[in-house]
C-alpha atoms as a PDB file:
ATOM      1  CA  MET A   1      34.328  36.935  16.582  1.00  0.00           C
ATOM      2  CA  ARG A   2      37.019  35.600  18.930  1.00  0.00           C
ATOM      3  CA  VAL A   3      36.032  34.744  22.517  1.00  0.00           C
ATOM      4  CA  LEU A   4      38.067  33.916  25.605  1.00  0.00           C
ATOM      5  CA  GLY A   5      36.230  31.373  27.763  1.00  0.00           C
ATOM      6  CA  ILE A   6      36.767  30.892  31.510  1.00  0.00           C
ATOM      7  CA  GLU A   7      35.401  27.983  33.549  1.00  0.00           C
ATOM      8  CA  THR A   8      35.696  27.898  37.372  1.00  0.00           C
ATOM      9  CA  SER A   9      32.441  26.346  38.562  1.00  0.00           C
ATOM     10  CA  CYS A  10      34.023  23.660  40.747  1.00  0.00           C
ATOM     11  CA  ASP A  11      37.458  22.025  40.839  1.00  0.00           C
ATOM     12  CA  GLU A  12      38.749  22.503  37.291  1.00  0.00           C
ATOM     13  CA  THR A  13      40.204  25.743  35.988  1.00  0.00           C
ATOM     14  CA  GLY A  14      39.536  25.904  32.259  1.00  0.00           C
ATOM     15  CA  VAL A  15      40.513  28.562  29.738  1.00  0.00           C
ATOM     16  CA  ALA A  16      40.036  28.540  25.961  1.00  0.00           C
ATOM     17  CA  VAL A  17      39.981  30.728  22.875  1.00  0.00           C
ATOM     18  CA  TYR A  18      37.251  30.081  20.309  1.00  0.00           C
ATOM     19  CA  ASP A  19      36.984  31.823  16.953  1.00  0.00           C
ATOM     20  CA  ALA A  20      33.627  31.836  15.154  1.00  0.00           C
ATOM     21  CA  ALA A  21      35.327  31.449  11.781  1.00  0.00           C
ATOM     22  CA  ARG A  22      38.210  29.124  12.666  1.00  0.00           C
ATOM     23  CA  GLY A  23      36.828  27.084  15.547  1.00  0.00           C
ATOM     24  CA  LEU A  24      38.624  26.151  18.768  1.00  0.00           C
ATOM     25  CA  LEU A  25      42.106  27.678  18.659  1.00  0.00           C
ATOM     26  CA  ALA A  26      43.471  26.572  22.037  1.00  0.00           C
ATOM     27  CA  HIS A  27      42.319  25.341  25.418  1.00  0.00           C
ATOM     28  CA  ALA A  28      43.856  24.242  28.699  1.00  0.00           C
ATOM     29  CA  VAL A  29      42.472  22.732  31.894  1.00  0.00           C
ATOM     30  CA  HIS A  30      44.045  22.454  35.326  1.00  0.00           C
ATOM     31  CA  THR A  31      42.439  19.863  37.586  1.00  0.00           C
ATOM     32  CA  GLN A  32      42.584  20.257  41.351  1.00  0.00           C
ATOM     33  CA  SER A  33      42.432  16.539  42.176  1.00  0.00           C
ATOM     34  CA  ALA A  34      45.691  16.646  44.114  1.00  0.00           C
ATOM     35  CA  VAL A  35      44.465  19.620  46.173  1.00  0.00           C
ATOM     36  CA  HIS A  36      41.331  17.823  47.361  1.00  0.00           C
ATOM     37  CA  ALA A  37      42.525  14.196  47.439  1.00  0.00           C
ATOM     38  CA  GLU A  38      43.374  14.107  51.144  1.00  0.00           C
ATOM     39  CA  PHE A  39      39.867  15.325  52.002  1.00  0.00           C
ATOM     40  CA  GLY A  40      38.056  12.830  49.768  1.00  0.00           C
ATOM     41  CA  GLY A  41      36.061  15.567  48.031  1.00  0.00           C
ATOM     42  CA  VAL A  42      36.066  19.182  46.909  1.00  0.00           C
ATOM     43  CA  VAL A  43      36.747  21.779  49.618  1.00  0.00           C
ATOM     44  CA  PRO A  44      35.125  24.994  48.307  1.00  0.00           C
ATOM     45  CA  GLU A  45      37.572  27.441  49.908  1.00  0.00           C
ATOM     46  CA  LEU A  46      40.594  25.549  48.572  1.00  0.00           C
ATOM     47  CA  ALA A  47      38.979  25.379  45.137  1.00  0.00           C
ATOM     48  CA  SER A  48      38.484  29.149  45.060  1.00  0.00           C
ATOM     49  CA  ARG A  49      42.047  29.868  46.112  1.00  0.00           C
ATOM     50  CA  ASP A  50      43.475  27.509  43.499  1.00  0.00           C
ATOM     51  CA  HIS A  51      41.432  29.188  40.753  1.00  0.00           C
ATOM     52  CA  VAL A  52      43.005  32.516  41.781  1.00  0.00           C
ATOM     53  CA  ARG A  53      46.475  31.008  41.376  1.00  0.00           C
ATOM     54  CA  ARG A  54      45.841  29.182  38.120  1.00  0.00           C
ATOM     55  CA  LEU A  55      43.847  31.634  36.020  1.00  0.00           C
ATOM     56  CA  PRO A  56      46.549  34.220  35.121  1.00  0.00           C
ATOM     57  CA  PRO A  57      49.140  31.719  33.801  1.00  0.00           C
ATOM     58  CA  LEU A  58      46.459  29.684  32.009  1.00  0.00           C
ATOM     59  CA  VAL A  59      45.133  32.778  30.223  1.00  0.00           C
ATOM     60  CA  ARG A  60      48.660  33.760  29.142  1.00  0.00           C
ATOM     61  CA  ARG A  61      49.317  30.212  27.930  1.00  0.00           C
ATOM     62  CA  VAL A  62      46.095  29.912  25.936  1.00  0.00           C
ATOM     63  CA  LEU A  63      46.486  33.331  24.333  1.00  0.00           C
ATOM     64  CA  GLU A  64      50.002  32.395  23.263  1.00  0.00           C
ATOM     65  CA  GLU A  65      49.008  28.954  21.939  1.00  0.00           C
ATOM     66  CA  SER A  66      46.109  30.446  19.978  1.00  0.00           C
ATOM     67  CA  GLY A  67      48.306  33.151  18.476  1.00  0.00           C
ATOM     68  CA  SER A  68      46.116  35.816  20.053  1.00  0.00           C
ATOM     69  CA  ARG A  69      46.828  39.147  21.699  1.00  0.00           C
ATOM     70  CA  PRO A  70      44.339  40.973  23.910  1.00  0.00           C
ATOM     71  CA  GLY A  71      43.444  43.200  20.960  1.00  0.00           C
ATOM     72  CA  ASP A  72      42.347  40.125  18.982  1.00  0.00           C
ATOM     73  CA  VAL A  73      39.734  39.127  21.564  1.00  0.00           C
ATOM     74  CA  ASP A  74      36.204  40.421  20.925  1.00  0.00           C
ATOM     75  CA  GLY A  75      34.555  39.114  24.090  1.00  0.00           C
ATOM     76  CA  VAL A  76      35.057  37.252  27.354  1.00  0.00           C
ATOM     77  CA  ALA A  77      32.676  34.491  28.447  1.00  0.00           C
ATOM     78  CA  TYR A  78      32.812  33.077  31.961  1.00  0.00           C
ATOM     79  CA  THR A  79      30.778  30.564  33.928  1.00  0.00           C
ATOM     80  CA  ALA A  80      28.305  32.485  36.082  1.00  0.00           C
ATOM     81  CA  GLY A  81      26.513  29.430  37.497  1.00  0.00           C
ATOM     82  CA  PRO A  82      25.460  26.985  38.684  1.00  0.00           C
ATOM     83  CA  GLY A  83      28.323  25.789  40.889  1.00  0.00           C
ATOM     84  CA  LEU A  84      30.307  26.634  44.006  1.00  0.00           C
ATOM     85  CA  VAL A  85      29.618  30.314  44.539  1.00  0.00           C
ATOM     86  CA  GLY A  86      33.143  31.196  45.692  1.00  0.00           C
ATOM     87  CA  ALA A  87      34.734  29.459  42.724  1.00  0.00           C
ATOM     88  CA  LEU A  88      32.243  31.092  40.364  1.00  0.00           C
ATOM     89  CA  LEU A  89      33.029  34.534  41.758  1.00  0.00           C
ATOM     90  CA  VAL A  90      36.739  34.059  41.041  1.00  0.00           C
ATOM     91  CA  GLY A  91      36.089  33.384  37.362  1.00  0.00           C
ATOM     92  CA  THR A  92      33.400  36.049  37.175  1.00  0.00           C
ATOM     93  CA  ALA A  93      35.584  38.777  38.684  1.00  0.00           C
ATOM     94  CA  PHE A  94      38.598  37.765  36.611  1.00  0.00           C
ATOM     95  CA  GLY A  95      36.635  37.566  33.360  1.00  0.00           C
ATOM     96  CA  ARG A  96      34.819  40.851  33.936  1.00  0.00           C
ATOM     97  CA  SER A  97      38.079  42.593  34.823  1.00  0.00           C
ATOM     98  CA  LEU A  98      39.780  41.379  31.648  1.00  0.00           C
ATOM     99  CA  ALA A  99      36.811  42.475  29.533  1.00  0.00           C
ATOM    100  CA  TRP A 100      36.807  45.918  31.144  1.00  0.00           C
ATOM    101  CA  ALA A 101      40.569  46.319  30.690  1.00  0.00           C
ATOM    102  CA  TRP A 102      40.411  45.199  27.054  1.00  0.00           C
ATOM    103  CA  GLY A 103      37.287  47.208  26.264  1.00  0.00           C
ATOM    104  CA  VAL A 104      35.257  44.217  25.054  1.00  0.00           C
ATOM    105  CA  ALA A 105      31.904  42.647  25.918  1.00  0.00           C
ATOM    106  CA  ALA A 106      31.587  40.208  28.812  1.00  0.00           C
ATOM    107  CA  LEU A 107      28.961  37.532  29.294  1.00  0.00           C
ATOM    108  CA  GLY A 108      28.103  35.078  32.051  1.00  0.00           C
ATOM    109  CA  VAL A 109      27.379  31.585  30.701  1.00  0.00           C
ATOM    110  CA  HIS A 110      25.254  28.803  32.186  1.00  0.00           C
ATOM    111  CA  HIS A 111      27.548  25.890  33.030  1.00  0.00           C
ATOM    112  CA  MET A 112      25.099  23.228  31.825  1.00  0.00           C
ATOM    113  CA  GLU A 113      24.464  25.057  28.560  1.00  0.00           C
ATOM    114  CA  GLY A 114      28.190  24.769  28.002  1.00  0.00           C
ATOM    115  CA  HIS A 115      28.011  20.991  28.459  1.00  0.00           C
ATOM    116  CA  LEU A 116      24.950  20.762  26.190  1.00  0.00           C
ATOM    117  CA  LEU A 117      26.768  22.569  23.387  1.00  0.00           C
ATOM    118  CA  ALA A 118      30.195  20.937  23.829  1.00  0.00           C
ATOM    119  CA  PRO A 119      29.549  18.386  21.018  1.00  0.00           C
ATOM    120  CA  MET A 120      29.145  21.319  18.620  1.00  0.00           C
ATOM    121  CA  LEU A 121      32.930  21.748  18.840  1.00  0.00           C
ATOM    122  CA  GLU A 122      33.491  18.424  17.048  1.00  0.00           C
ATOM    123  CA  PRO A 123      34.171  18.143  13.298  1.00  0.00           C
ATOM    124  CA  ASP A 124      30.786  16.448  12.742  1.00  0.00           C
ATOM    125  CA  PRO A 125      28.460  18.156  15.242  1.00  0.00           C
ATOM    126  CA  PRO A 126      24.891  16.949  15.822  1.00  0.00           C
ATOM    127  CA  ALA A 127      22.024  18.876  14.249  1.00  0.00           C
ATOM    128  CA  PHE A 128      19.200  20.416  16.277  1.00  0.00           C
ATOM    129  CA  PRO A 129      16.890  19.188  17.670  1.00  0.00           C
ATOM    130  CA  PHE A 130      18.355  16.380  19.786  1.00  0.00           C
ATOM    131  CA  LEU A 131      17.989  14.606  23.119  1.00  0.00           C
ATOM    132  CA  ALA A 132      20.780  15.260  25.624  1.00  0.00           C
ATOM    133  CA  LEU A 133      21.917  13.282  28.646  1.00  0.00           C
ATOM    134  CA  LEU A 134      23.889  15.540  30.991  1.00  0.00           C
ATOM    135  CA  VAL A 135      25.615  13.226  33.427  1.00  0.00           C
ATOM    136  CA  SER A 136      28.254  14.566  35.788  1.00  0.00           C
ATOM    137  CA  GLY A 137      29.218  14.888  39.436  1.00  0.00           C
ATOM    138  CA  GLY A 138      26.632  17.584  40.020  1.00  0.00           C
ATOM    139  CA  HIS A 139      23.869  16.867  37.516  1.00  0.00           C
ATOM    140  CA  THR A 140      21.976  14.035  35.871  1.00  0.00           C
ATOM    141  CA  GLN A 141      19.384  15.356  33.432  1.00  0.00           C
ATOM    142  CA  LEU A 142      17.601  14.375  30.251  1.00  0.00           C
ATOM    143  CA  VAL A 143      16.998  17.482  28.147  1.00  0.00           C
ATOM    144  CA  GLU A 144      15.183  18.060  24.878  1.00  0.00           C
ATOM    145  CA  VAL A 145      17.251  20.585  22.940  1.00  0.00           C
ATOM    146  CA  GLU A 146      15.463  22.503  20.174  1.00  0.00           C
ATOM    147  CA  GLY A 147      18.333  24.946  19.665  1.00  0.00           C
ATOM    148  CA  VAL A 148      20.692  27.241  21.579  1.00  0.00           C
ATOM    149  CA  GLY A 149      18.777  28.487  24.611  1.00  0.00           C
ATOM    150  CA  ALA A 150      15.683  26.341  23.904  1.00  0.00           C
ATOM    151  CA  TYR A 151      15.725  23.560  26.491  1.00  0.00           C
ATOM    152  CA  GLU A 152      13.098  21.397  28.148  1.00  0.00           C
ATOM    153  CA  ILE A 153      14.101  19.189  31.068  1.00  0.00           C
ATOM    154  CA  LEU A 154      12.398  15.816  30.678  1.00  0.00           C
ATOM    155  CA  GLY A 155      13.879  14.148  33.752  1.00  0.00           C
ATOM    156  CA  GLU A 156      16.526  14.655  36.414  1.00  0.00           C
ATOM    157  CA  SER A 157      17.917  13.118  39.575  1.00  0.00           C
ATOM    158  CA  VAL A 158      15.765  13.595  42.654  1.00  0.00           C
ATOM    159  CA  ASP A 159      18.806  13.104  44.914  1.00  0.00           C
ATOM    160  CA  ASP A 160      22.439  12.257  44.125  1.00  0.00           C
ATOM    161  CA  ALA A 161      23.740  12.818  40.610  1.00  0.00           C
ATOM    162  CA  ALA A 162      25.289   9.770  38.942  1.00  0.00           C
ATOM    163  CA  GLY A 163      28.824  11.123  39.264  1.00  0.00           C
ATOM    164  CA  GLU A 164      28.255  11.979  42.912  1.00  0.00           C
ATOM    165  CA  ALA A 165      27.079   8.410  43.549  1.00  0.00           C
ATOM    166  CA  PHE A 166      30.194   7.064  41.826  1.00  0.00           C
ATOM    167  CA  ASP A 167      32.422   9.160  44.077  1.00  0.00           C
ATOM    168  CA  LYS A 168      30.584   8.208  47.279  1.00  0.00           C
ATOM    169  CA  VAL A 169      30.640   4.476  46.550  1.00  0.00           C
ATOM    170  CA  ALA A 170      34.307   4.731  45.583  1.00  0.00           C
ATOM    171  CA  THR A 171      34.961   6.153  49.058  1.00  0.00           C
ATOM    172  CA  LEU A 172      33.137   3.172  50.595  1.00  0.00           C
ATOM    173  CA  LEU A 173      35.410   0.910  48.553  1.00  0.00           C
ATOM    174  CA  GLY A 174      38.482   2.700  49.898  1.00  0.00           C
ATOM    175  CA  LEU A 175      39.469   4.102  46.520  1.00  0.00           C
ATOM    176  CA  PRO A 176      41.405   7.364  46.057  1.00  0.00           C
ATOM    177  CA  TYR A 177      39.840  10.638  44.970  1.00  0.00           C
ATOM    178  CA  PRO A 178      38.554  11.286  42.338  1.00  0.00           C
ATOM    179  CA  GLY A 179      36.550   8.125  42.835  1.00  0.00           C
ATOM    180  CA  GLY A 180      34.579   7.712  39.611  1.00  0.00           C
ATOM    181  CA  PRO A 181      37.457   6.741  37.289  1.00  0.00           C
ATOM    182  CA  ALA A 182      39.045   4.607  40.037  1.00  0.00           C
ATOM    183  CA  LEU A 183      35.790   2.684  40.549  1.00  0.00           C
ATOM    184  CA  ALA A 184      35.451   2.087  36.811  1.00  0.00           C
ATOM    185  CA  ASP A 185      39.010   0.729  36.685  1.00  0.00           C
ATOM    186  CA  LEU A 186      38.314  -1.625  39.580  1.00  0.00           C
ATOM    187  CA  ALA A 187      35.021  -2.767  38.037  1.00  0.00           C
ATOM    188  CA  ARG A 188      36.826  -4.077  34.937  1.00  0.00           C
ATOM    189  CA  ASN A 189      38.062  -7.027  37.006  1.00  0.00           C
ATOM    190  CA  GLY A 190      34.697  -7.678  38.668  1.00  0.00           C
ATOM    191  CA  ASP A 191      32.369 -10.630  38.129  1.00  0.00           C
ATOM    192  CA  PRO A 192      29.108  -9.261  36.656  1.00  0.00           C
ATOM    193  CA  GLY A 193      27.128 -12.230  37.947  1.00  0.00           C
ATOM    194  CA  ARG A 194      28.066 -12.223  41.621  1.00  0.00           C
ATOM    195  CA  PHE A 195      25.878  -9.351  42.825  1.00  0.00           C
ATOM    196  CA  ARG A 196      22.883  -7.588  41.331  1.00  0.00           C
ATOM    197  CA  PHE A 197      22.070  -4.083  42.507  1.00  0.00           C
ATOM    198  CA  PRO A 198      18.623  -2.513  41.898  1.00  0.00           C
ATOM    199  CA  ARG A 199      17.929  -0.304  38.878  1.00  0.00           C
ATOM    200  CA  PRO A 200      16.237   2.604  40.692  1.00  0.00           C
ATOM    201  CA  MET A 201      12.980   4.065  39.389  1.00  0.00           C
ATOM    202  CA  THR A 202      12.949   1.882  36.265  1.00  0.00           C
ATOM    203  CA  ASP A 203       9.945  -0.134  37.461  1.00  0.00           C
ATOM    204  CA  ARG A 204       7.648   2.885  37.086  1.00  0.00           C
ATOM    205  CA  PRO A 205       6.858   5.407  34.337  1.00  0.00           C
ATOM    206  CA  GLY A 206       8.856   8.600  34.020  1.00  0.00           C
ATOM    207  CA  LEU A 207      12.327   9.877  33.256  1.00  0.00           C
ATOM    208  CA  ASP A 208      13.584  10.967  36.689  1.00  0.00           C
ATOM    209  CA  PHE A 209      16.594   9.333  38.337  1.00  0.00           C
ATOM    210  CA  SER A 210      17.547   8.329  41.874  1.00  0.00           C
ATOM    211  CA  PHE A 211      21.012   7.078  42.806  1.00  0.00           C
ATOM    212  CA  SER A 212      21.301   7.599  46.568  1.00  0.00           C
ATOM    213  CA  GLY A 213      19.759   4.205  47.323  1.00  0.00           C
ATOM    214  CA  LEU A 214      22.528   2.477  45.388  1.00  0.00           C
ATOM    215  CA  LYS A 215      25.024   3.943  47.839  1.00  0.00           C
ATOM    216  CA  THR A 216      23.128   2.349  50.737  1.00  0.00           C
ATOM    217  CA  PHE A 217      22.857  -0.939  48.848  1.00  0.00           C
ATOM    218  CA  ALA A 218      26.624  -0.905  48.272  1.00  0.00           C
ATOM    219  CA  LEU A 219      27.242  -0.148  51.951  1.00  0.00           C
ATOM    220  CA  ASN A 220      25.088  -3.096  53.054  1.00  0.00           C
ATOM    221  CA  THR A 221      26.730  -5.399  50.511  1.00  0.00           C
ATOM    222  CA  LEU A 222      30.196  -4.420  51.697  1.00  0.00           C
ATOM    223  CA  ALA A 223      29.185  -5.088  55.306  1.00  0.00           C
ATOM    224  CA  GLY A 224      28.274  -8.676  54.436  1.00  0.00           C
ATOM    225  CA  GLY A 225      31.537  -9.866  52.937  1.00  0.00           C
ATOM    226  CA  HIS A 226      35.303 -10.100  53.291  1.00  0.00           C
ATOM    227  CA  ARG A 227      36.910  -7.010  51.791  1.00  0.00           C
ATOM    228  CA  ASP A 228      39.532  -8.672  49.609  1.00  0.00           C
ATOM    229  CA  GLU A 229      40.380  -7.392  46.127  1.00  0.00           C
ATOM    230  CA  ARG A 230      38.050  -9.796  44.329  1.00  0.00           C
ATOM    231  CA  PHE A 231      35.104  -8.931  46.566  1.00  0.00           C
ATOM    232  CA  LEU A 232      35.629  -5.179  46.126  1.00  0.00           C
ATOM    233  CA  ALA A 233      35.931  -5.543  42.341  1.00  0.00           C
ATOM    234  CA  ASP A 234      32.670  -7.521  42.209  1.00  0.00           C
ATOM    235  CA  VAL A 235      30.851  -4.851  44.230  1.00  0.00           C
ATOM    236  CA  ALA A 236      32.268  -2.110  41.985  1.00  0.00           C
ATOM    237  CA  ARG A 237      31.112  -3.993  38.883  1.00  0.00           C
ATOM    238  CA  ALA A 238      27.604  -4.511  40.272  1.00  0.00           C
ATOM    239  CA  PHE A 239      27.318  -0.827  41.148  1.00  0.00           C
ATOM    240  CA  GLU A 240      28.605   0.370  37.781  1.00  0.00           C
ATOM    241  CA  ASP A 241      26.282  -2.014  35.921  1.00  0.00           C
ATOM    242  CA  ALA A 242      23.307  -0.706  37.907  1.00  0.00           C
ATOM    243  CA  VAL A 243      24.082   2.930  37.094  1.00  0.00           C
ATOM    244  CA  VAL A 244      24.771   2.198  33.425  1.00  0.00           C
ATOM    245  CA  ASP A 245      21.625   0.098  32.998  1.00  0.00           C
ATOM    246  CA  THR A 246      19.508   2.772  34.678  1.00  0.00           C
ATOM    247  CA  LEU A 247      20.859   5.514  32.427  1.00  0.00           C
ATOM    248  CA  VAL A 248      20.374   3.389  29.316  1.00  0.00           C
ATOM    249  CA  ILE A 249      16.787   2.466  30.234  1.00  0.00           C
ATOM    250  CA  LYS A 250      15.858   6.108  30.800  1.00  0.00           C
ATOM    251  CA  CYS A 251      17.559   7.243  27.579  1.00  0.00           C
ATOM    252  CA  ARG A 252      15.675   4.586  25.620  1.00  0.00           C
ATOM    253  CA  ARG A 253      12.387   5.805  27.105  1.00  0.00           C
ATOM    254  CA  ALA A 254      13.228   9.408  26.256  1.00  0.00           C
ATOM    255  CA  LEU A 255      14.172   8.588  22.660  1.00  0.00           C
ATOM    256  CA  ARG A 256      10.907   6.734  22.172  1.00  0.00           C
ATOM    257  CA  ALA A 257       8.847   9.461  23.860  1.00  0.00           C
ATOM    258  CA  THR A 258      10.343  12.325  21.852  1.00  0.00           C
ATOM    259  CA  GLY A 259      11.020  10.578  18.558  1.00  0.00           C
ATOM    260  CA  LEU A 260      14.341  12.441  18.328  1.00  0.00           C
ATOM    261  CA  PRO A 261      16.999  10.744  16.180  1.00  0.00           C
ATOM    262  CA  VAL A 262      20.127  11.813  18.096  1.00  0.00           C
ATOM    263  CA  LEU A 263      21.246  11.362  21.710  1.00  0.00           C
ATOM    264  CA  VAL A 264      24.002  13.720  22.863  1.00  0.00           C
ATOM    265  CA  VAL A 265      25.911  12.643  25.980  1.00  0.00           C
ATOM    266  CA  SER A 266      27.986  15.169  27.897  1.00  0.00           C
ATOM    267  CA  GLY A 267      29.480  15.579  31.356  1.00  0.00           C
ATOM    268  CA  GLY A 268      32.267  13.726  33.135  1.00  0.00           C
ATOM    269  CA  VAL A 269      30.418  10.407  33.513  1.00  0.00           C
ATOM    270  CA  GLY A 270      29.912  10.454  29.738  1.00  0.00           C
ATOM    271  CA  ALA A 271      33.558   9.351  29.443  1.00  0.00           C
ATOM    272  CA  ASN A 272      32.746   6.016  31.169  1.00  0.00           C
ATOM    273  CA  ARG A 273      33.581   3.239  28.696  1.00  0.00           C
ATOM    274  CA  ARG A 274      30.887   0.813  29.820  1.00  0.00           C
ATOM    275  CA  LEU A 275      28.236   3.531  29.552  1.00  0.00           C
ATOM    276  CA  ARG A 276      29.392   4.470  26.054  1.00  0.00           C
ATOM    277  CA  ALA A 277      29.285   0.871  24.873  1.00  0.00           C
ATOM    278  CA  ALA A 278      25.823   0.270  26.341  1.00  0.00           C
ATOM    279  CA  LEU A 279      24.392   3.489  24.892  1.00  0.00           C
ATOM    280  CA  ALA A 280      25.850   2.687  21.463  1.00  0.00           C
ATOM    281  CA  ASP A 281      24.198  -0.734  21.511  1.00  0.00           C
ATOM    282  CA  MET A 282      20.862   0.704  22.647  1.00  0.00           C
ATOM    283  CA  ALA A 283      20.943   3.510  20.080  1.00  0.00           C
ATOM    284  CA  GLN A 284      21.627   1.071  17.261  1.00  0.00           C
ATOM    285  CA  ARG A 285      18.591  -0.976  18.279  1.00  0.00           C
ATOM    286  CA  GLU A 286      16.495   2.211  18.400  1.00  0.00           C
ATOM    287  CA  ASP A 287      17.779   3.419  15.017  1.00  0.00           C
ATOM    288  CA  ALA A 288      19.279   6.499  16.660  1.00  0.00           C
ATOM    289  CA  ALA A 289      22.734   8.066  16.720  1.00  0.00           C
ATOM    290  CA  VAL A 290      24.856   8.924  19.767  1.00  0.00           C
ATOM    291  CA  SER A 291      27.144  11.960  19.834  1.00  0.00           C
ATOM    292  CA  TYR A 292      29.826  12.846  22.383  1.00  0.00           C
ATOM    293  CA  PRO A 293      32.337  15.629  22.798  1.00  0.00           C
ATOM    294  CA  ARG A 294      35.926  14.410  22.749  1.00  0.00           C
ATOM    295  CA  PRO A 295      36.996  12.967  26.154  1.00  0.00           C
ATOM    296  CA  GLU A 296      38.850  16.094  27.309  1.00  0.00           C
ATOM    297  CA  LEU A 297      35.710  18.165  26.685  1.00  0.00           C
ATOM    298  CA  CYS A 298      33.430  15.832  28.661  1.00  0.00           C
ATOM    299  CA  THR A 299      34.687  17.207  31.956  1.00  0.00           C
ATOM    300  CA  ASP A 300      34.521  20.906  32.873  1.00  0.00           C
ATOM    301  CA  ASN A 301      36.498  23.036  30.425  1.00  0.00           C
ATOM    302  CA  GLY A 302      36.810  26.545  29.053  1.00  0.00           C
ATOM    303  CA  ALA A 303      36.180  25.523  25.444  1.00  0.00           C
ATOM    304  CA  MET A 304      32.492  24.823  26.004  1.00  0.00           C
ATOM    305  CA  ILE A 305      32.096  28.161  27.797  1.00  0.00           C
ATOM    306  CA  ALA A 306      33.860  30.038  24.995  1.00  0.00           C
ATOM    307  CA  TYR A 307      31.616  28.389  22.399  1.00  0.00           C
ATOM    308  CA  ALA A 308      28.372  28.956  24.314  1.00  0.00           C
ATOM    309  CA  GLY A 309      29.389  32.550  24.974  1.00  0.00           C
ATOM    310  CA  CYS A 310      30.249  33.117  21.319  1.00  0.00           C
ATOM    311  CA  CYS A 311      26.807  31.879  20.241  1.00  0.00           C
ATOM    312  CA  ARG A 312      25.201  34.587  22.371  1.00  0.00           C
ATOM    313  CA  LEU A 313      27.746  37.365  21.856  1.00  0.00           C
ATOM    314  CA  LEU A 314      27.299  37.056  18.097  1.00  0.00           C
ATOM    315  CA  HIS A 315      23.673  38.066  18.650  1.00  0.00           C
ATOM    316  CA  GLY A 316      24.662  41.134  20.640  1.00  0.00           C
ATOM    317  CA  ALA A 317      24.278  39.702  24.143  1.00  0.00           C
ATOM    318  CA  SER A 318      26.252  41.446  26.881  1.00  0.00           C
ATOM    319  CA  GLU A 319      25.881  42.410  30.507  1.00  0.00           C
ATOM    320  CA  PRO A 320      26.153  45.639  32.478  1.00  0.00           C
ATOM    321  CA  ARG A 321      29.186  46.199  34.671  1.00  0.00           C
ATOM    322  CA  ARG A 322      27.226  45.090  37.673  1.00  0.00           C
ATOM    323  CA  PHE A 323      27.561  41.319  37.965  1.00  0.00           C
ATOM    324  CA  GLY A 324      27.163  38.314  40.238  1.00  0.00           C
ATOM    325  CA  ALA A 325      27.312  34.527  40.361  1.00  0.00           C
ATOM    326  CA  ARG A 326      24.466  32.061  40.829  1.00  0.00           C
ATOM    327  CA  ALA A 327      25.021  28.879  42.817  1.00  0.00           C
ATOM    328  CA  ARG A 328      21.610  27.704  41.544  1.00  0.00           C
ATOM    329  CA  TRP A 329      20.383  28.510  38.073  1.00  0.00           C
ATOM    330  CA  GLY A 330      17.676  26.573  36.271  1.00  0.00           C
ATOM    331  CA  LEU A 331      18.497  25.577  32.711  1.00  0.00           C
ATOM    332  CA  GLU A 332      14.949  26.316  31.576  1.00  0.00           C
ATOM    333  CA  GLU A 333      15.375  29.964  32.633  1.00  0.00           C
ATOM    334  CA  LEU A 334      17.570  30.507  29.566  1.00  0.00           C
ATOM    335  CA  ARG A 335      16.230  31.985  26.343  1.00  0.00           C
ATOM    336  CA  PRO A 336      17.501  31.717  22.745  1.00  0.00           C
ATOM    337  CA  PRO A 337      20.052  34.357  21.685  1.00  0.00           C
ATOM    338  CA  GLY A 338      18.341  37.547  20.607  1.00  0.00           C
ATOM    339  CA  ALA A 339      15.012  36.585  22.201  1.00  0.00           C
END
């Protein structure tokens, strides 16, 4: 089975072709950072309009690079939620229209299921069951994964996601959008001993997260000093260390609670170098393994949607012509393929 995947949940337009026998044949992602930079964050209407512009040429490009013609495609998978509803509707309408025109099945895919399964695209994929840390601009969750469609959320953020906190603190530091990578770059030059930020919700049992208070702590710290380059780098380092330590502490708890031997890390924040190094050290001490998708598949992309869709389409999943998009969609609402 060969599946075209379309991702338009937020500010990346992703398209890919995945073949069940040959693996990932081609993928391409267009990021809208330049579109939203002057506003310091994603503007939903602009995101939707840019998806409309980018999808047709990206589909043509990916089909060509994969050596595929429309007649070679057996199904179209698209992100149906969660995300920005206008952006989702662009991908949904486009994907459904292609499927109807080509006479193939169409399937809406859960965005977070795509992230959970992204490591399965690697040459040495993790085996089920495993523990997953989904850490991005919109979500921070610890999930026990028994198999495709069998998910139990063990903990999640009660307020800001980790990536959202990175972006907000980057704005306080005067850094350009997107803020997360810029903050991490600045933090490399920071003194780790100058400031110590709290590690939220680590002084109590449980696996939930809270990052909004770190934003306030950063704001108060910035108000008490001279905003030269050294000072800003030290604040960035203290913030990054606090987020990384918090994520590591919670992952350690989850590994011990579940007894699972593998931690899968996916989502845009999963590309953070300091987080990767800290998780690798922790996992080694816990006699566990850590698995990541390749860096370009950590952020939103069509490859993960094509793969997740293929897993379900192979079991006969499809949808009627009537369709919609879901801005909110609980991961635990999903069921295994064929169930």
